N, C-alpha and C. Protein backbone atom coordinates (compact mmCIF):
# COMPACT_ATOMS: atom_id res chain seq x y z
N MET A 1 73.10 103.38 44.93
CA MET A 1 72.84 104.10 46.17
C MET A 1 71.60 104.96 46.02
N GLU A 2 70.65 104.75 46.90
CA GLU A 2 69.44 105.55 46.89
C GLU A 2 69.68 106.84 47.65
N LYS A 3 69.38 107.94 47.01
CA LYS A 3 69.58 109.25 47.64
C LYS A 3 68.24 109.93 47.86
N ARG A 4 68.23 110.81 48.83
CA ARG A 4 67.04 111.60 49.14
C ARG A 4 67.45 113.04 49.42
N ILE A 5 66.48 113.92 49.24
CA ILE A 5 66.67 115.32 49.60
C ILE A 5 66.18 115.49 51.03
N ALA A 6 66.91 116.27 51.80
CA ALA A 6 66.53 116.53 53.18
C ALA A 6 66.85 117.97 53.54
N VAL A 7 66.11 118.47 54.51
CA VAL A 7 66.39 119.79 55.08
C VAL A 7 66.68 119.58 56.56
N ILE A 8 67.84 120.02 56.97
CA ILE A 8 68.26 119.91 58.36
C ILE A 8 68.15 121.29 58.98
N SER A 9 67.34 121.41 60.01
CA SER A 9 67.23 122.70 60.70
C SER A 9 67.96 122.60 62.03
N ALA A 10 68.68 123.66 62.34
CA ALA A 10 69.48 123.68 63.56
C ALA A 10 69.26 124.99 64.30
N ILE A 11 69.14 124.89 65.60
CA ILE A 11 69.09 126.07 66.46
C ILE A 11 70.30 125.99 67.38
N LEU A 12 71.14 127.01 67.31
CA LEU A 12 72.34 127.09 68.14
C LEU A 12 72.10 128.13 69.22
N GLU A 13 72.07 127.70 70.47
CA GLU A 13 71.91 128.61 71.60
C GLU A 13 73.31 128.94 72.11
N GLY A 14 73.64 130.23 72.10
CA GLY A 14 75.01 130.62 72.42
C GLY A 14 75.94 130.21 71.31
N PRO A 15 75.67 130.65 70.09
CA PRO A 15 76.44 130.17 68.93
C PRO A 15 77.93 130.43 69.01
N GLY A 16 78.35 131.45 69.71
CA GLY A 16 79.77 131.75 69.81
C GLY A 16 80.57 130.61 70.41
N GLU A 17 79.92 129.80 71.25
CA GLU A 17 80.61 128.71 71.93
C GLU A 17 80.70 127.45 71.09
N VAL A 18 79.82 127.29 70.11
CA VAL A 18 79.74 126.01 69.39
C VAL A 18 79.85 126.17 67.87
N GLN A 19 79.83 127.38 67.38
CA GLN A 19 79.77 127.62 65.94
C GLN A 19 80.97 127.05 65.18
N ASP A 20 82.16 127.15 65.73
CA ASP A 20 83.34 126.61 65.04
C ASP A 20 83.24 125.10 64.87
N ARG A 21 82.82 124.40 65.91
CA ARG A 21 82.68 122.93 65.82
C ARG A 21 81.55 122.57 64.86
N PHE A 22 80.45 123.33 64.90
CA PHE A 22 79.33 123.11 63.99
C PHE A 22 79.79 123.24 62.55
N ASN A 23 80.47 124.34 62.24
CA ASN A 23 80.95 124.58 60.87
C ASN A 23 81.97 123.54 60.43
N SER A 24 82.79 123.07 61.34
CA SER A 24 83.78 122.05 61.01
C SER A 24 83.09 120.74 60.60
N ILE A 25 82.06 120.36 61.32
CA ILE A 25 81.31 119.15 60.98
C ILE A 25 80.63 119.33 59.63
N VAL A 26 79.97 120.45 59.43
CA VAL A 26 79.25 120.71 58.18
C VAL A 26 80.22 120.68 56.99
N SER A 27 81.40 121.26 57.15
CA SER A 27 82.34 121.28 56.03
C SER A 27 82.81 119.88 55.64
N GLY A 28 82.75 118.95 56.55
CA GLY A 28 83.11 117.57 56.25
C GLY A 28 82.09 116.86 55.36
N TYR A 29 80.92 117.47 55.22
CA TYR A 29 79.85 116.90 54.39
C TYR A 29 79.54 117.76 53.18
N LYS A 30 80.50 118.57 52.76
CA LYS A 30 80.25 119.52 51.67
C LYS A 30 79.84 118.85 50.36
N LYS A 31 80.17 117.58 50.17
CA LYS A 31 79.80 116.89 48.93
C LYS A 31 78.29 116.66 48.82
N ILE A 32 77.58 116.60 49.95
CA ILE A 32 76.14 116.36 49.89
C ILE A 32 75.32 117.64 50.12
N ILE A 33 75.97 118.72 50.52
CA ILE A 33 75.25 119.96 50.84
C ILE A 33 74.98 120.75 49.56
N LYS A 34 73.72 121.10 49.37
CA LYS A 34 73.30 121.85 48.20
C LYS A 34 73.00 123.31 48.53
N GLY A 35 72.73 123.63 49.78
CA GLY A 35 72.44 125.00 50.16
C GLY A 35 72.43 125.15 51.68
N ARG A 36 72.69 126.38 52.10
CA ARG A 36 72.73 126.67 53.54
C ARG A 36 72.28 128.10 53.76
N MET A 37 71.42 128.28 54.77
CA MET A 37 70.96 129.62 55.12
C MET A 37 71.05 129.77 56.63
N GLY A 38 71.61 130.86 57.07
CA GLY A 38 71.71 131.12 58.50
C GLY A 38 71.13 132.47 58.86
N ILE A 39 70.43 132.51 59.96
CA ILE A 39 69.85 133.76 60.46
C ILE A 39 70.30 133.96 61.90
N PRO A 40 71.10 135.00 62.14
CA PRO A 40 71.52 135.27 63.52
C PRO A 40 70.47 136.11 64.26
N PHE A 41 70.18 135.73 65.46
CA PHE A 41 69.35 136.52 66.37
C PHE A 41 70.30 137.01 67.46
N GLU A 42 71.00 138.10 67.18
CA GLU A 42 72.08 138.55 68.05
C GLU A 42 71.59 138.92 69.44
N GLU A 43 70.47 139.63 69.54
CA GLU A 43 69.97 140.04 70.85
C GLU A 43 69.58 138.85 71.71
N GLU A 44 69.12 137.78 71.06
CA GLU A 44 68.69 136.59 71.78
C GLU A 44 69.83 135.59 71.97
N ASP A 45 70.98 135.83 71.33
CA ASP A 45 72.15 134.95 71.37
C ASP A 45 71.81 133.55 70.84
N ILE A 46 71.10 133.55 69.69
CA ILE A 46 70.69 132.30 69.04
C ILE A 46 70.94 132.44 67.54
N SER A 47 71.33 131.36 66.89
CA SER A 47 71.42 131.30 65.44
C SER A 47 70.52 130.19 64.93
N VAL A 48 69.82 130.45 63.83
CA VAL A 48 68.98 129.45 63.19
C VAL A 48 69.59 129.15 61.83
N ILE A 49 69.80 127.87 61.55
CA ILE A 49 70.47 127.46 60.31
C ILE A 49 69.64 126.38 59.63
N ALA A 50 69.48 126.50 58.31
CA ALA A 50 68.82 125.47 57.51
C ALA A 50 69.81 124.99 56.46
N ILE A 51 69.98 123.69 56.37
CA ILE A 51 70.92 123.08 55.43
C ILE A 51 70.14 122.10 54.55
N THR A 52 70.23 122.28 53.24
CA THR A 52 69.59 121.37 52.30
C THR A 52 70.64 120.41 51.75
N VAL A 53 70.33 119.12 51.82
CA VAL A 53 71.30 118.11 51.40
C VAL A 53 70.66 117.13 50.42
N LEU A 54 71.51 116.48 49.63
CA LEU A 54 71.12 115.39 48.75
C LEU A 54 72.10 114.26 49.02
N GLY A 55 71.64 113.21 49.70
CA GLY A 55 72.55 112.13 50.06
C GLY A 55 71.80 110.87 50.45
N THR A 56 72.56 109.86 50.79
CA THR A 56 71.95 108.61 51.25
C THR A 56 71.43 108.82 52.67
N LEU A 57 70.56 107.93 53.11
CA LEU A 57 70.05 108.03 54.48
C LEU A 57 71.19 107.91 55.49
N ASP A 58 72.19 107.08 55.19
CA ASP A 58 73.33 106.94 56.09
C ASP A 58 74.11 108.25 56.21
N GLN A 59 74.33 108.94 55.09
CA GLN A 59 75.04 110.21 55.11
C GLN A 59 74.26 111.27 55.89
N ILE A 60 72.97 111.33 55.63
CA ILE A 60 72.12 112.32 56.31
C ILE A 60 72.09 112.04 57.81
N SER A 61 71.92 110.78 58.18
CA SER A 61 71.88 110.41 59.59
C SER A 61 73.20 110.67 60.29
N SER A 62 74.29 110.43 59.59
CA SER A 62 75.62 110.67 60.16
C SER A 62 75.80 112.15 60.47
N LEU A 63 75.44 113.00 59.51
CA LEU A 63 75.57 114.45 59.69
C LEU A 63 74.69 114.93 60.83
N THR A 64 73.43 114.54 60.84
CA THR A 64 72.52 115.02 61.88
C THR A 64 72.91 114.48 63.25
N GLY A 65 73.41 113.27 63.30
CA GLY A 65 73.84 112.71 64.58
C GLY A 65 75.01 113.48 65.17
N LYS A 66 75.98 113.81 64.35
CA LYS A 66 77.14 114.57 64.84
C LYS A 66 76.74 115.97 65.29
N LEU A 67 75.88 116.62 64.50
CA LEU A 67 75.43 117.97 64.87
C LEU A 67 74.59 117.94 66.14
N GLY A 68 73.74 116.93 66.25
CA GLY A 68 72.86 116.83 67.42
C GLY A 68 73.60 116.52 68.71
N ASN A 69 74.81 116.00 68.62
CA ASN A 69 75.59 115.71 69.82
C ASN A 69 76.34 116.93 70.36
N LEU A 70 76.32 118.02 69.62
CA LEU A 70 76.97 119.25 70.10
C LEU A 70 76.14 119.86 71.22
N PRO A 71 76.80 120.44 72.21
CA PRO A 71 76.05 121.06 73.31
C PRO A 71 75.30 122.30 72.81
N ASN A 72 74.09 122.48 73.33
CA ASN A 72 73.24 123.65 73.02
C ASN A 72 72.85 123.74 71.55
N VAL A 73 72.80 122.60 70.86
CA VAL A 73 72.36 122.55 69.47
C VAL A 73 71.16 121.63 69.37
N SER A 74 70.06 122.14 68.79
CA SER A 74 68.85 121.34 68.55
C SER A 74 68.73 121.11 67.06
N ILE A 75 68.46 119.87 66.68
CA ILE A 75 68.39 119.48 65.26
C ILE A 75 67.06 118.81 64.97
N LYS A 76 66.46 119.18 63.85
CA LYS A 76 65.29 118.49 63.31
C LYS A 76 65.54 118.31 61.82
N THR A 77 65.11 117.18 61.29
CA THR A 77 65.36 116.87 59.89
C THR A 77 64.08 116.43 59.20
N SER A 78 63.85 116.96 58.00
CA SER A 78 62.77 116.51 57.15
C SER A 78 63.39 115.85 55.93
N ILE A 79 62.97 114.60 55.67
CA ILE A 79 63.54 113.84 54.56
C ILE A 79 62.44 113.52 53.57
N SER A 80 62.76 113.71 52.27
CA SER A 80 61.77 113.43 51.22
C SER A 80 61.45 111.94 51.19
N LYS A 81 60.22 111.63 50.81
CA LYS A 81 59.82 110.24 50.66
C LYS A 81 60.32 109.68 49.33
N ARG A 82 60.48 110.57 48.36
CA ARG A 82 60.90 110.15 47.02
C ARG A 82 62.38 109.77 47.01
N VAL A 83 62.67 108.63 46.44
CA VAL A 83 64.05 108.17 46.30
C VAL A 83 64.58 108.63 44.96
N LEU A 84 65.77 109.18 44.94
CA LEU A 84 66.38 109.70 43.71
C LEU A 84 67.50 108.77 43.25
């Protein structure tokens, strides 16, 4: 299995409404997650989250697809070119 490192960035608008579902999805991929950083912008009612993963392209795509289908969640992913 070819694995790659990726950084998934997420912006949650109105995080109180979607944060539980977001965290539930992320916890299902804990085997590939190497780090997570979240920054709340309370006054703006937005949360910014960066998740670093090491997994196959299928695993990374599955995670980003599920997160991107949540309402008021924007996802962008950067994937390394190097195969591990």
